[in-house]
C-alpha atoms as a PDB file:
ATOM      1  CA  MET A   1     -49.998 -93.537  70.173  1.00  0.00           C
ATOM      2  CA  ASN A   2     -50.768 -94.085  73.873  1.00  0.00           C
ATOM      3  CA  LYS A   3     -53.422 -91.999  75.377  1.00  0.00           C
ATOM      4  CA  ILE A   4     -52.718 -90.499  78.880  1.00  0.00           C
ATOM      5  CA  LYS A   5     -55.748 -90.569  80.936  1.00  0.00           C
ATOM      6  CA  PHE A   6     -55.611 -89.048  84.397  1.00  0.00           C
ATOM      7  CA  HIS A   7     -57.802 -87.511  86.992  1.00  0.00           C
ATOM      8  CA  PHE A   8     -57.827 -85.518  90.039  1.00  0.00           C
ATOM      9  CA  ASN A   9     -59.061 -87.590  93.160  1.00  0.00           C
ATOM     10  CA  PHE A  10     -59.523 -87.473  96.796  1.00  0.00           C
ATOM     11  CA  LEU A  11     -57.063 -89.643  98.880  1.00  0.00           C
ATOM     12  CA  ILE A  12     -57.427 -89.949 102.771  1.00  0.00           C
ATOM     13  CA  ILE A  13     -54.301 -88.578 104.427  1.00  0.00           C
ATOM     14  CA  LYS A  14     -53.374 -88.730 108.019  1.00  0.00           C
ATOM     15  CA  LYS A  15     -56.137 -87.749 110.546  1.00  0.00           C
ATOM     16  CA  LEU A  16     -58.822 -88.881 107.998  1.00  0.00           C
ATOM     17  CA  ILE A  17     -58.552 -85.407 106.390  1.00  0.00           C
ATOM     18  CA  PHE A  18     -59.466 -85.717 102.412  1.00  0.00           C
ATOM     19  CA  ILE A  19     -56.849 -84.084 100.360  1.00  0.00           C
ATOM     20  CA  PRO A  20     -56.864 -83.494  96.569  1.00  0.00           C
ATOM     21  CA  LEU A  21     -53.884 -85.308  94.988  1.00  0.00           C
ATOM     22  CA  LEU A  22     -53.130 -85.790  91.184  1.00  0.00           C
ATOM     23  CA  ILE A  23     -53.479 -89.442  90.369  1.00  0.00           C
ATOM     24  CA  ILE A  24     -52.535 -90.315  86.776  1.00  0.00           C
ATOM     25  CA  GLY A  25     -53.099 -93.404  84.712  1.00  0.00           C
ATOM     26  CA  ILE A  26     -51.957 -94.513  81.307  1.00  0.00           C
ATOM     27  CA  LEU A  27     -54.711 -96.323  79.408  1.00  0.00           C
ATOM     28  CA  SER A  28     -55.796 -96.907  75.652  1.00  0.00           C
ATOM     29  CA  CYS A  29     -55.165 -94.751  72.564  1.00  0.00           C
ATOM     30  CA  SER A  30     -55.995 -91.168  71.403  1.00  0.00           C
ATOM     31  CA  ASN A  31     -55.082 -88.587  68.646  1.00  0.00           C
ATOM     32  CA  GLU A  32     -55.718 -85.719  70.804  1.00  0.00           C
ATOM     33  CA  ASP A  33     -52.086 -84.976  72.116  1.00  0.00           C
ATOM     34  CA  THR A  34     -50.463 -81.496  72.057  1.00  0.00           C
ATOM     35  CA  ASN A  35     -47.022 -81.738  70.948  1.00  0.00           C
ATOM     36  CA  ILE A  36     -44.600 -78.885  70.794  1.00  0.00           C
ATOM     37  CA  THR A  37     -42.858 -78.554  67.255  1.00  0.00           C
ATOM     38  CA  ASN A  38     -40.928 -75.285  68.053  1.00  0.00           C
ATOM     39  CA  ASN A  39     -37.377 -76.461  68.952  1.00  0.00           C
ATOM     40  CA  PRO A  40     -38.533 -79.684  70.390  1.00  0.00           C
ATOM     41  CA  LEU A  41     -35.002 -80.750  71.039  1.00  0.00           C
ATOM     42  CA  GLY A  42     -31.828 -78.843  72.561  1.00  0.00           C
ATOM     43  CA  GLY A  43     -28.693 -78.488  70.682  1.00  0.00           C
ATOM     44  CA  SER A  44     -26.660 -81.082  72.505  1.00  0.00           C
ATOM     45  CA  SER A  45     -26.000 -84.704  72.602  1.00  0.00           C
ATOM     46  CA  LEU A  46     -26.564 -85.242  76.438  1.00  0.00           C
ATOM     47  CA  SER A  47     -28.798 -88.044  77.591  1.00  0.00           C
ATOM     48  CA  ASP A  48     -31.837 -87.901  79.610  1.00  0.00           C
ATOM     49  CA  THR A  49     -31.155 -87.825  83.356  1.00  0.00           C
ATOM     50  CA  THR A  50     -33.253 -88.005  86.548  1.00  0.00           C
ATOM     51  CA  LEU A  51     -31.838 -87.027  89.976  1.00  0.00           C
ATOM     52  CA  VAL A  52     -33.911 -87.842  92.852  1.00  0.00           C
ATOM     53  CA  ASN A  53     -34.156 -86.392  96.459  1.00  0.00           C
ATOM     54  CA  VAL A  54     -31.540 -83.601  95.686  1.00  0.00           C
ATOM     55  CA  SER A  55     -31.307 -81.631  98.915  1.00  0.00           C
ATOM     56  CA  TYR A  56     -31.671 -77.863  98.859  1.00  0.00           C
ATOM     57  CA  GLY A  57     -31.767 -77.441 102.559  1.00  0.00           C
ATOM     58  CA  SER A  58     -31.076 -79.477 105.968  1.00  0.00           C
ATOM     59  CA  HIS A  59     -34.802 -80.493 106.674  1.00  0.00           C
ATOM     60  CA  GLN A  60     -35.832 -83.837 105.518  1.00  0.00           C
ATOM     61  CA  ARG A  61     -38.540 -82.174 103.411  1.00  0.00           C
ATOM     62  CA  GLN A  62     -36.164 -79.892 101.655  1.00  0.00           C
ATOM     63  CA  LYS A  63     -35.706 -82.084  98.613  1.00  0.00           C
ATOM     64  CA  TYR A  64     -36.508 -81.963  94.899  1.00  0.00           C
ATOM     65  CA  ASP A  65     -36.330 -84.181  92.011  1.00  0.00           C
ATOM     66  CA  ILE A  66     -35.078 -82.809  88.746  1.00  0.00           C
ATOM     67  CA  HIS A  67     -35.838 -84.442  85.403  1.00  0.00           C
ATOM     68  CA  LEU A  68     -33.422 -83.393  82.578  1.00  0.00           C
ATOM     69  CA  PRO A  69     -34.310 -84.068  78.981  1.00  0.00           C
ATOM     70  CA  ALA A  70     -32.065 -85.578  76.441  1.00  0.00           C
ATOM     71  CA  ASN A  71     -30.446 -82.856  74.123  1.00  0.00           C
ATOM     72  CA  ARG A  72     -30.987 -80.106  76.561  1.00  0.00           C
ATOM     73  CA  ASP A  73     -28.928 -76.848  76.368  1.00  0.00           C
ATOM     74  CA  ASN A  74     -29.193 -73.308  77.771  1.00  0.00           C
ATOM     75  CA  SER A  75     -32.531 -73.011  75.783  1.00  0.00           C
ATOM     76  CA  THR A  76     -34.383 -75.682  77.829  1.00  0.00           C
ATOM     77  CA  PRO A  77     -36.856 -74.286  80.156  1.00  0.00           C
ATOM     78  CA  ILE A  78     -38.035 -75.533  83.479  1.00  0.00           C
ATOM     79  CA  ILE A  79     -41.525 -76.406  84.843  1.00  0.00           C
ATOM     80  CA  LEU A  80     -41.413 -76.077  88.840  1.00  0.00           C
ATOM     81  CA  MET A  81     -44.138 -78.147  90.406  1.00  0.00           C
ATOM     82  CA  LEU A  82     -45.827 -77.545  93.805  1.00  0.00           C
ATOM     83  CA  HIS A  83     -47.965 -80.423  95.116  1.00  0.00           C
ATOM     84  CA  GLY A  84     -51.467 -79.994  96.930  1.00  0.00           C
ATOM     85  CA  GLY A  85     -52.653 -81.170 100.258  1.00  0.00           C
ATOM     86  CA  ALA A  86     -54.107 -78.177 102.182  1.00  0.00           C
ATOM     87  CA  TRP A  87     -50.516 -76.978 103.048  1.00  0.00           C
ATOM     88  CA  LYS A  88     -50.204 -79.644 105.674  1.00  0.00           C
ATOM     89  CA  ALA A  89     -49.936 -82.826 103.499  1.00  0.00           C
ATOM     90  CA  GLY A  90     -49.058 -84.217 100.185  1.00  0.00           C
ATOM     91  CA  GLN A  91     -45.763 -84.974  98.492  1.00  0.00           C
ATOM     92  CA  LYS A  92     -43.678 -84.397  95.382  1.00  0.00           C
ATOM     93  CA  GLU A  93     -44.254 -88.097  94.159  1.00  0.00           C
ATOM     94  CA  ASP A  94     -47.922 -87.016  93.456  1.00  0.00           C
ATOM     95  CA  PHE A  95     -46.715 -85.324  90.227  1.00  0.00           C
ATOM     96  CA  ASN A  96     -44.519 -88.093  88.963  1.00  0.00           C
ATOM     97  CA  SER A  97     -47.120 -89.570  86.314  1.00  0.00           C
ATOM     98  CA  TYR A  98     -48.137 -85.807  85.432  1.00  0.00           C
ATOM     99  CA  ILE A  99     -44.459 -85.281  84.461  1.00  0.00           C
ATOM    100  CA  LYS A 100     -44.522 -88.426  82.240  1.00  0.00           C
ATOM    101  CA  ILE A 101     -47.646 -86.771  80.379  1.00  0.00           C
ATOM    102  CA  ILE A 102     -46.034 -83.659  79.552  1.00  0.00           C
ATOM    103  CA  GLN A 103     -42.699 -85.278  78.747  1.00  0.00           C
ATOM    104  CA  SER A 104     -44.725 -87.150  75.873  1.00  0.00           C
ATOM    105  CA  LYS A 105     -46.098 -83.760  74.569  1.00  0.00           C
ATOM    106  CA  TRP A 106     -42.906 -81.675  75.057  1.00  0.00           C
ATOM    107  CA  SER A 107     -39.475 -83.227  75.056  1.00  0.00           C
ATOM    108  CA  ASN A 108     -37.387 -80.045  75.448  1.00  0.00           C
ATOM    109  CA  VAL A 109     -38.278 -79.109  79.137  1.00  0.00           C
ATOM    110  CA  ALA A 110     -37.003 -79.944  82.410  1.00  0.00           C
ATOM    111  CA  PHE A 111     -38.969 -80.634  85.613  1.00  0.00           C
ATOM    112  CA  VAL A 112     -38.191 -79.654  89.094  1.00  0.00           C
ATOM    113  CA  ASN A 113     -40.644 -81.447  91.327  1.00  0.00           C
ATOM    114  CA  MET A 114     -40.223 -80.306  94.938  1.00  0.00           C
ATOM    115  CA  ASN A 115     -41.179 -80.964  98.407  1.00  0.00           C
ATOM    116  CA  TYR A 116     -41.477 -78.244 100.901  1.00  0.00           C
ATOM    117  CA  ARG A 117     -42.010 -78.018 104.638  1.00  0.00           C
ATOM    118  CA  LEU A 118     -45.664 -78.605 105.571  1.00  0.00           C
ATOM    119  CA  ALA A 119     -47.623 -76.217 107.615  1.00  0.00           C
ATOM    120  CA  SER A 120     -47.497 -77.108 111.237  1.00  0.00           C
ATOM    121  CA  ASN A 121     -48.446 -75.066 114.470  1.00  0.00           C
ATOM    122  CA  VAL A 122     -46.188 -77.658 116.417  1.00  0.00           C
ATOM    123  CA  ASP A 123     -43.321 -76.999 114.153  1.00  0.00           C
ATOM    124  CA  ASN A 124     -43.810 -73.333 113.797  1.00  0.00           C
ATOM    125  CA  ILE A 125     -44.031 -73.892 109.990  1.00  0.00           C
ATOM    126  CA  HIS A 126     -46.238 -71.248 108.008  1.00  0.00           C
ATOM    127  CA  HIS A 127     -46.594 -69.160 104.933  1.00  0.00           C
ATOM    128  CA  ASN A 128     -43.180 -67.658 105.342  1.00  0.00           C
ATOM    129  CA  GLU A 129     -41.299 -70.832 105.754  1.00  0.00           C
ATOM    130  CA  ILE A 130     -42.835 -72.509 102.919  1.00  0.00           C
ATOM    131  CA  MET A 131     -42.189 -69.334 100.601  1.00  0.00           C
ATOM    132  CA  ASP A 132     -38.447 -69.689 101.833  1.00  0.00           C
ATOM    133  CA  ASP A 133     -38.471 -73.406 100.549  1.00  0.00           C
ATOM    134  CA  ILE A 134     -39.572 -72.428  97.186  1.00  0.00           C
ATOM    135  CA  ASN A 135     -36.903 -69.709  97.018  1.00  0.00           C
ATOM    136  CA  MET A 136     -34.219 -71.920  98.476  1.00  0.00           C
ATOM    137  CA  ALA A 137     -35.261 -74.787  95.885  1.00  0.00           C
ATOM    138  CA  ILE A 138     -34.992 -72.211  93.001  1.00  0.00           C
ATOM    139  CA  SER A 139     -31.801 -70.881  94.102  1.00  0.00           C
ATOM    140  CA  HIS A 140     -30.186 -74.274  94.489  1.00  0.00           C
ATOM    141  CA  VAL A 141     -31.284 -75.191  90.673  1.00  0.00           C
ATOM    142  CA  LEU A 142     -29.959 -71.748  89.476  1.00  0.00           C
ATOM    143  CA  ASP A 143     -26.737 -72.344  91.369  1.00  0.00           C
ATOM    144  CA  ASN A 144     -26.357 -75.483  89.496  1.00  0.00           C
ATOM    145  CA  LEU A 145     -27.301 -74.255  85.961  1.00  0.00           C
ATOM    146  CA  ASN A 146     -23.842 -75.199  84.567  1.00  0.00           C
ATOM    147  CA  ASN A 147     -24.152 -78.705  85.927  1.00  0.00           C
ATOM    148  CA  TYR A 148     -27.866 -79.202  84.714  1.00  0.00           C
ATOM    149  CA  GLN A 149     -27.174 -77.470  81.430  1.00  0.00           C
ATOM    150  CA  ILE A 150     -30.617 -75.881  81.205  1.00  0.00           C
ATOM    151  CA  SER A 151     -32.069 -72.343  80.990  1.00  0.00           C
ATOM    152  CA  SER A 152     -33.236 -70.315  84.175  1.00  0.00           C
ATOM    153  CA  ASN A 153     -36.530 -69.555  82.646  1.00  0.00           C
ATOM    154  CA  THR A 154     -39.276 -71.377  84.680  1.00  0.00           C
ATOM    155  CA  GLY A 155     -42.944 -71.897  84.778  1.00  0.00           C
ATOM    156  CA  ILE A 156     -44.534 -72.687  87.939  1.00  0.00           C
ATOM    157  CA  VAL A 157     -47.675 -74.723  88.445  1.00  0.00           C
ATOM    158  CA  GLY A 158     -49.461 -75.950  91.500  1.00  0.00           C
ATOM    159  CA  VAL A 159     -52.626 -77.911  92.229  1.00  0.00           C
ATOM    160  CA  SER A 160     -55.087 -76.876  95.008  1.00  0.00           C
ATOM    161  CA  ALA A 161     -52.902 -75.389  97.738  1.00  0.00           C
ATOM    162  CA  GLY A 162     -50.043 -75.803  95.432  1.00  0.00           C
ATOM    163  CA  GLY A 163     -51.863 -73.632  93.083  1.00  0.00           C
ATOM    164  CA  GLN A 164     -52.035 -70.764  95.569  1.00  0.00           C
ATOM    165  CA  LEU A 165     -48.412 -71.136  96.438  1.00  0.00           C
ATOM    166  CA  ALA A 166     -47.537 -70.982  92.793  1.00  0.00           C
ATOM    167  CA  MET A 167     -49.558 -67.892  92.255  1.00  0.00           C
ATOM    168  CA  ILE A 168     -48.447 -66.058  95.453  1.00  0.00           C
ATOM    169  CA  TYR A 169     -44.594 -66.974  94.842  1.00  0.00           C
ATOM    170  CA  ALA A 170     -44.926 -65.655  91.239  1.00  0.00           C
ATOM    171  CA  TYR A 171     -46.730 -62.391  91.835  1.00  0.00           C
ATOM    172  CA  LYS A 172     -45.241 -61.303  95.221  1.00  0.00           C
ATOM    173  CA  TYR A 173     -41.764 -62.748  95.525  1.00  0.00           C
ATOM    174  CA  ASN A 174     -39.743 -64.127  92.401  1.00  0.00           C
ATOM    175  CA  ASN A 175     -36.726 -63.262  93.998  1.00  0.00           C
ATOM    176  CA  HIS A 176     -34.605 -64.217  90.963  1.00  0.00           C
ATOM    177  CA  ASN A 177     -36.888 -63.076  88.207  1.00  0.00           C
ATOM    178  CA  ASN A 178     -36.778 -66.227  86.527  1.00  0.00           C
ATOM    179  CA  ILE A 179     -40.750 -67.122  86.840  1.00  0.00           C
ATOM    180  CA  LYS A 180     -42.046 -66.426  83.523  1.00  0.00           C
ATOM    181  CA  CYS A 181     -45.634 -67.998  83.792  1.00  0.00           C
ATOM    182  CA  VAL A 182     -47.816 -69.585  86.293  1.00  0.00           C
ATOM    183  CA  ALA A 183     -50.595 -72.338  86.467  1.00  0.00           C
ATOM    184  CA  SER A 184     -53.114 -72.832  89.130  1.00  0.00           C
ATOM    185  CA  ILE A 185     -55.440 -76.177  88.959  1.00  0.00           C
ATOM    186  CA  PHE A 186     -58.259 -75.225  91.574  1.00  0.00           C
ATOM    187  CA  GLY A 187     -56.124 -73.296  93.642  1.00  0.00           C
ATOM    188  CA  PRO A 188     -57.411 -70.640  96.213  1.00  0.00           C
ATOM    189  CA  SER A 189     -56.632 -66.943  95.299  1.00  0.00           C
ATOM    190  CA  ILE A 190     -58.426 -65.160  98.170  1.00  0.00           C
ATOM    191  CA  ILE A 191     -57.302 -66.274 101.464  1.00  0.00           C
ATOM    192  CA  ASN A 192     -59.023 -63.305 103.051  1.00  0.00           C
ATOM    193  CA  ASP A 193     -62.522 -64.648 102.149  1.00  0.00           C
ATOM    194  CA  TRP A 194     -64.358 -64.538 105.514  1.00  0.00           C
ATOM    195  CA  THR A 195     -67.190 -66.575 104.094  1.00  0.00           C
ATOM    196  CA  TRP A 196     -64.939 -69.353 103.096  1.00  0.00           C
ATOM    197  CA  TYR A 197     -62.875 -69.179 106.265  1.00  0.00           C
ATOM    198  CA  ASN A 198     -65.887 -69.278 108.359  1.00  0.00           C
ATOM    199  CA  THR A 199     -67.121 -72.700 107.050  1.00  0.00           C
ATOM    200  CA  ASN A 200     -66.930 -76.333 108.148  1.00  0.00           C
ATOM    201  CA  ASN A 201     -65.978 -78.300 105.262  1.00  0.00           C
ATOM    202  CA  ILE A 202     -67.027 -82.089 105.254  1.00  0.00           C
ATOM    203  CA  TRP A 203     -64.747 -82.891 102.432  1.00  0.00           C
ATOM    204  CA  LEU A 204     -61.721 -81.684 104.398  1.00  0.00           C
ATOM    205  CA  GLY A 205     -63.125 -82.883 107.764  1.00  0.00           C
ATOM    206  CA  ALA A 206     -62.162 -79.563 109.294  1.00  0.00           C
ATOM    207  CA  ASN A 207     -63.007 -75.979 109.700  1.00  0.00           C
ATOM    208  CA  VAL A 208     -61.495 -74.018 106.854  1.00  0.00           C
ATOM    209  CA  GLY A 209     -60.346 -71.306 109.165  1.00  0.00           C
ATOM    210  CA  ASP A 210     -58.307 -73.885 111.160  1.00  0.00           C
ATOM    211  CA  ILE A 211     -56.721 -74.995 107.957  1.00  0.00           C
ATOM    212  CA  LEU A 212     -55.925 -71.372 106.937  1.00  0.00           C
ATOM    213  CA  THR A 213     -54.703 -70.509 110.509  1.00  0.00           C
ATOM    214  CA  GLU A 214     -52.143 -73.241 110.331  1.00  0.00           C
ATOM    215  CA  TYR A 215     -51.153 -72.002 107.092  1.00  0.00           C
ATOM    216  CA  VAL A 216     -50.913 -68.350 107.654  1.00  0.00           C
ATOM    217  CA  GLY A 217     -49.690 -68.627 111.094  1.00  0.00           C
ATOM    218  CA  GLN A 218     -52.406 -66.914 113.096  1.00  0.00           C
ATOM    219  CA  PRO A 219     -56.162 -66.622 113.139  1.00  0.00           C
ATOM    220  CA  TRP A 220     -58.094 -64.354 111.004  1.00  0.00           C
ATOM    221  CA  ASP A 221     -56.463 -60.894 110.348  1.00  0.00           C
ATOM    222  CA  SER A 222     -57.690 -59.388 107.161  1.00  0.00           C
ATOM    223  CA  THR A 223     -54.527 -57.444 106.256  1.00  0.00           C
ATOM    224  CA  LEU A 224     -52.219 -60.286 106.872  1.00  0.00           C
ATOM    225  CA  TYR A 225     -54.411 -62.857 105.017  1.00  0.00           C
ATOM    226  CA  GLU A 226     -54.818 -60.277 102.196  1.00  0.00           C
ATOM    227  CA  SER A 227     -50.951 -60.136 101.986  1.00  0.00           C
ATOM    228  CA  VAL A 228     -50.780 -63.838 101.272  1.00  0.00           C
ATOM    229  CA  SER A 229     -53.771 -63.819  98.725  1.00  0.00           C
ATOM    230  CA  PRO A 230     -52.766 -63.889  94.917  1.00  0.00           C
ATOM    231  CA  TYR A 231     -55.801 -62.053  94.051  1.00  0.00           C
ATOM    232  CA  TRP A 232     -54.690 -58.904  95.828  1.00  0.00           C
ATOM    233  CA  ASN A 233     -50.955 -59.312  94.586  1.00  0.00           C
ATOM    234  CA  ILE A 234     -51.722 -59.299  90.898  1.00  0.00           C
ATOM    235  CA  THR A 235     -50.297 -56.072  89.167  1.00  0.00           C
ATOM    236  CA  SER A 236     -50.464 -55.132  85.352  1.00  0.00           C
ATOM    237  CA  SER A 237     -46.997 -56.684  85.130  1.00  0.00           C
ATOM    238  CA  SER A 238     -47.775 -60.148  86.619  1.00  0.00           C
ATOM    239  CA  GLN A 239     -46.618 -63.142  84.780  1.00  0.00           C
ATOM    240  CA  PRO A 240     -48.850 -64.642  82.175  1.00  0.00           C
ATOM    241  CA  THR A 241     -51.463 -67.013  84.110  1.00  0.00           C
ATOM    242  CA  ILE A 242     -53.575 -69.845  83.144  1.00  0.00           C
ATOM    243  CA  LEU A 243     -56.367 -71.040  85.658  1.00  0.00           C
ATOM    244  CA  PHE A 244     -58.262 -74.348  85.645  1.00  0.00           C
ATOM    245  CA  HIS A 245     -61.445 -74.902  88.107  1.00  0.00           C
ATOM    246  CA  GLY A 246     -64.359 -76.984  88.476  1.00  0.00           C
ATOM    247  CA  ASN A 247     -67.632 -75.123  88.861  1.00  0.00           C
ATOM    248  CA  LEU A 248     -68.958 -77.458  91.317  1.00  0.00           C
ATOM    249  CA  ASP A 249     -65.961 -77.354  93.572  1.00  0.00           C
ATOM    250  CA  PRO A 250     -66.861 -78.109  97.193  1.00  0.00           C
ATOM    251  CA  ILE A 251     -63.567 -77.191  98.516  1.00  0.00           C
ATOM    252  CA  VAL A 252     -62.107 -74.105  96.925  1.00  0.00           C
ATOM    253  CA  PRO A 253     -64.938 -71.866  95.730  1.00  0.00           C
ATOM    254  CA  VAL A 254     -65.083 -71.198  92.148  1.00  0.00           C
ATOM    255  CA  TYR A 255     -65.845 -67.637  92.418  1.00  0.00           C
ATOM    256  CA  GLN A 256     -62.433 -67.145  93.620  1.00  0.00           C
ATOM    257  CA  SER A 257     -60.921 -68.178  90.252  1.00  0.00           C
ATOM    258  CA  GLN A 258     -63.705 -66.276  88.517  1.00  0.00           C
ATOM    259  CA  TRP A 259     -62.905 -63.121  90.355  1.00  0.00           C
ATOM    260  CA  MET A 260     -59.179 -63.815  89.408  1.00  0.00           C
ATOM    261  CA  ASN A 261     -60.062 -63.852  85.781  1.00  0.00           C
ATOM    262  CA  GLY A 262     -61.989 -60.640  86.030  1.00  0.00           C
ATOM    263  CA  LYS A 263     -58.885 -58.996  87.663  1.00  0.00           C
ATOM    264  CA  LEU A 264     -56.467 -60.299  85.261  1.00  0.00           C
ATOM    265  CA  ASN A 265     -58.673 -58.982  82.563  1.00  0.00           C
ATOM    266  CA  THR A 266     -58.868 -55.461  84.138  1.00  0.00           C
ATOM    267  CA  LEU A 267     -55.237 -55.391  84.473  1.00  0.00           C
ATOM    268  CA  ASN A 268     -54.703 -56.607  80.995  1.00  0.00           C
ATOM    269  CA  VAL A 269     -52.539 -59.519  82.153  1.00  0.00           C
ATOM    270  CA  THR A 270     -51.998 -62.264  79.393  1.00  0.00           C
ATOM    271  CA  HIS A 271     -54.082 -65.152  80.806  1.00  0.00           C
ATOM    272  CA  GLU A 272     -56.391 -67.985  80.260  1.00  0.00           C
ATOM    273  CA  TYR A 273     -59.325 -69.121  82.310  1.00  0.00           C
ATOM    274  CA  HIS A 274     -60.790 -72.626  81.847  1.00  0.00           C
ATOM    275  CA  GLU A 275     -63.928 -73.535  83.832  1.00  0.00           C
ATOM    276  CA  TYR A 276     -65.345 -77.106  83.715  1.00  0.00           C
ATOM    277  CA  ILE A 277     -68.331 -78.924  85.040  1.00  0.00           C
ATOM    278  CA  ALA A 278     -66.561 -80.564  87.857  1.00  0.00           C
ATOM    279  CA  PHE A 279     -65.981 -80.914  91.497  1.00  0.00           C
ATOM    280  CA  HIS A 280     -62.377 -80.608  93.028  1.00  0.00           C
ATOM    281  CA  SER A 281     -61.360 -83.000  90.573  1.00  0.00           C
ATOM    282  CA  PHE A 282     -61.544 -83.419  86.726  1.00  0.00           C
ATOM    283  CA  ASP A 283     -62.768 -86.580  84.711  1.00  0.00           C
ATOM    284  CA  ASN A 284     -60.589 -88.146  82.054  1.00  0.00           C
ATOM    285  CA  VAL A 285     -61.640 -85.931  79.101  1.00  0.00           C
ATOM    286  CA  GLN A 286     -61.401 -82.782  81.330  1.00  0.00           C
ATOM    287  CA  SER A 287     -57.876 -83.788  82.396  1.00  0.00           C
ATOM    288  CA  GLU A 288     -56.820 -84.387  78.894  1.00  0.00           C
ATOM    289  CA  ASP A 289     -57.882 -80.982  78.043  1.00  0.00           C
ATOM    290  CA  VAL A 290     -56.048 -79.535  81.105  1.00  0.00           C
ATOM    291  CA  ILE A 291     -52.807 -80.893  80.188  1.00  0.00           C
ATOM    292  CA  ASN A 292     -53.101 -79.925  76.601  1.00  0.00           C
ATOM    293  CA  LYS A 293     -53.990 -76.218  77.475  1.00  0.00           C
ATOM    294  CA  LEU A 294     -51.134 -76.132  80.124  1.00  0.00           C
ATOM    295  CA  VAL A 295     -48.534 -77.397  77.710  1.00  0.00           C
ATOM    296  CA  SER A 296     -49.568 -75.144  74.929  1.00  0.00           C
ATOM    297  CA  PHE A 297     -49.603 -72.010  77.263  1.00  0.00           C
ATOM    298  CA  PHE A 298     -46.366 -72.704  78.928  1.00  0.00           C
ATOM    299  CA  SER A 299     -44.422 -73.445  75.755  1.00  0.00           C
ATOM    300  CA  VAL A 300     -45.355 -69.994  74.496  1.00  0.00           C
ATOM    301  CA  HIS A 301     -44.729 -67.899  77.695  1.00  0.00           C
ATOM    302  CA  ILE A 302     -41.574 -69.594  79.349  1.00  0.00           C
ATOM    303  CA  LYS A 303     -39.383 -67.172  77.532  1.00  0.00           C
END
């Protein structure tokens, strides 16, 4: 069996800002795969189908790819994927190889891999507009369930900034009540973290406060920043959550995920927290472990 080997890495995006993106390579062999055996196939004879750049709005960024598995039916769940990039960069294609990995481990799941409008002071695109995009993409998928022939039940996963977007959408919005579980891979959870806000990050090549200001839409405002922080929006009825973080992360402080873990514990929310000796990236062994744990967790909780 092919071993899927992948790692999170830094790529230089426009203006020389370093952004964490998901890079995946397929190499050698392994027996460590996690395979889902419960209802591995749906009940139909449909073939696998991929639709690329489906428009869910009029903006050029408002597009998603949908990967529909063979034999899908109305029990086939969805994984919605949100790329990283400090809210102002990145693209859905960063997840393409990641999707192939999960498909090799879990055949009866559909993927919605979306772009969203990027944060921009010039274009007046901030948190609310990005939340609107996630909601619009989900609405478009749900409106086409009969065409896609899949379930509405959805797990949402994001990397870095995408992890924060996944968590805050699930906990605070979830307008269609279809988000059943959430995963964050080294995503920030406390936007109103003054210490973090007030730092200059050499890895990002920018002041963290400037990045957060562009995302939120205005400079430091403790109440407003709290309102977009996953940590402050968890309740005892929040969705099952799985978190992954490196304890040497120089971009997103690991204590944010540690505090999230503590609060999820206090509120008795079903969750897992996995911490690795890693930076804002995972090596190949850690990445394999992340994938296996994510698949196992989502396969249980997307119901």
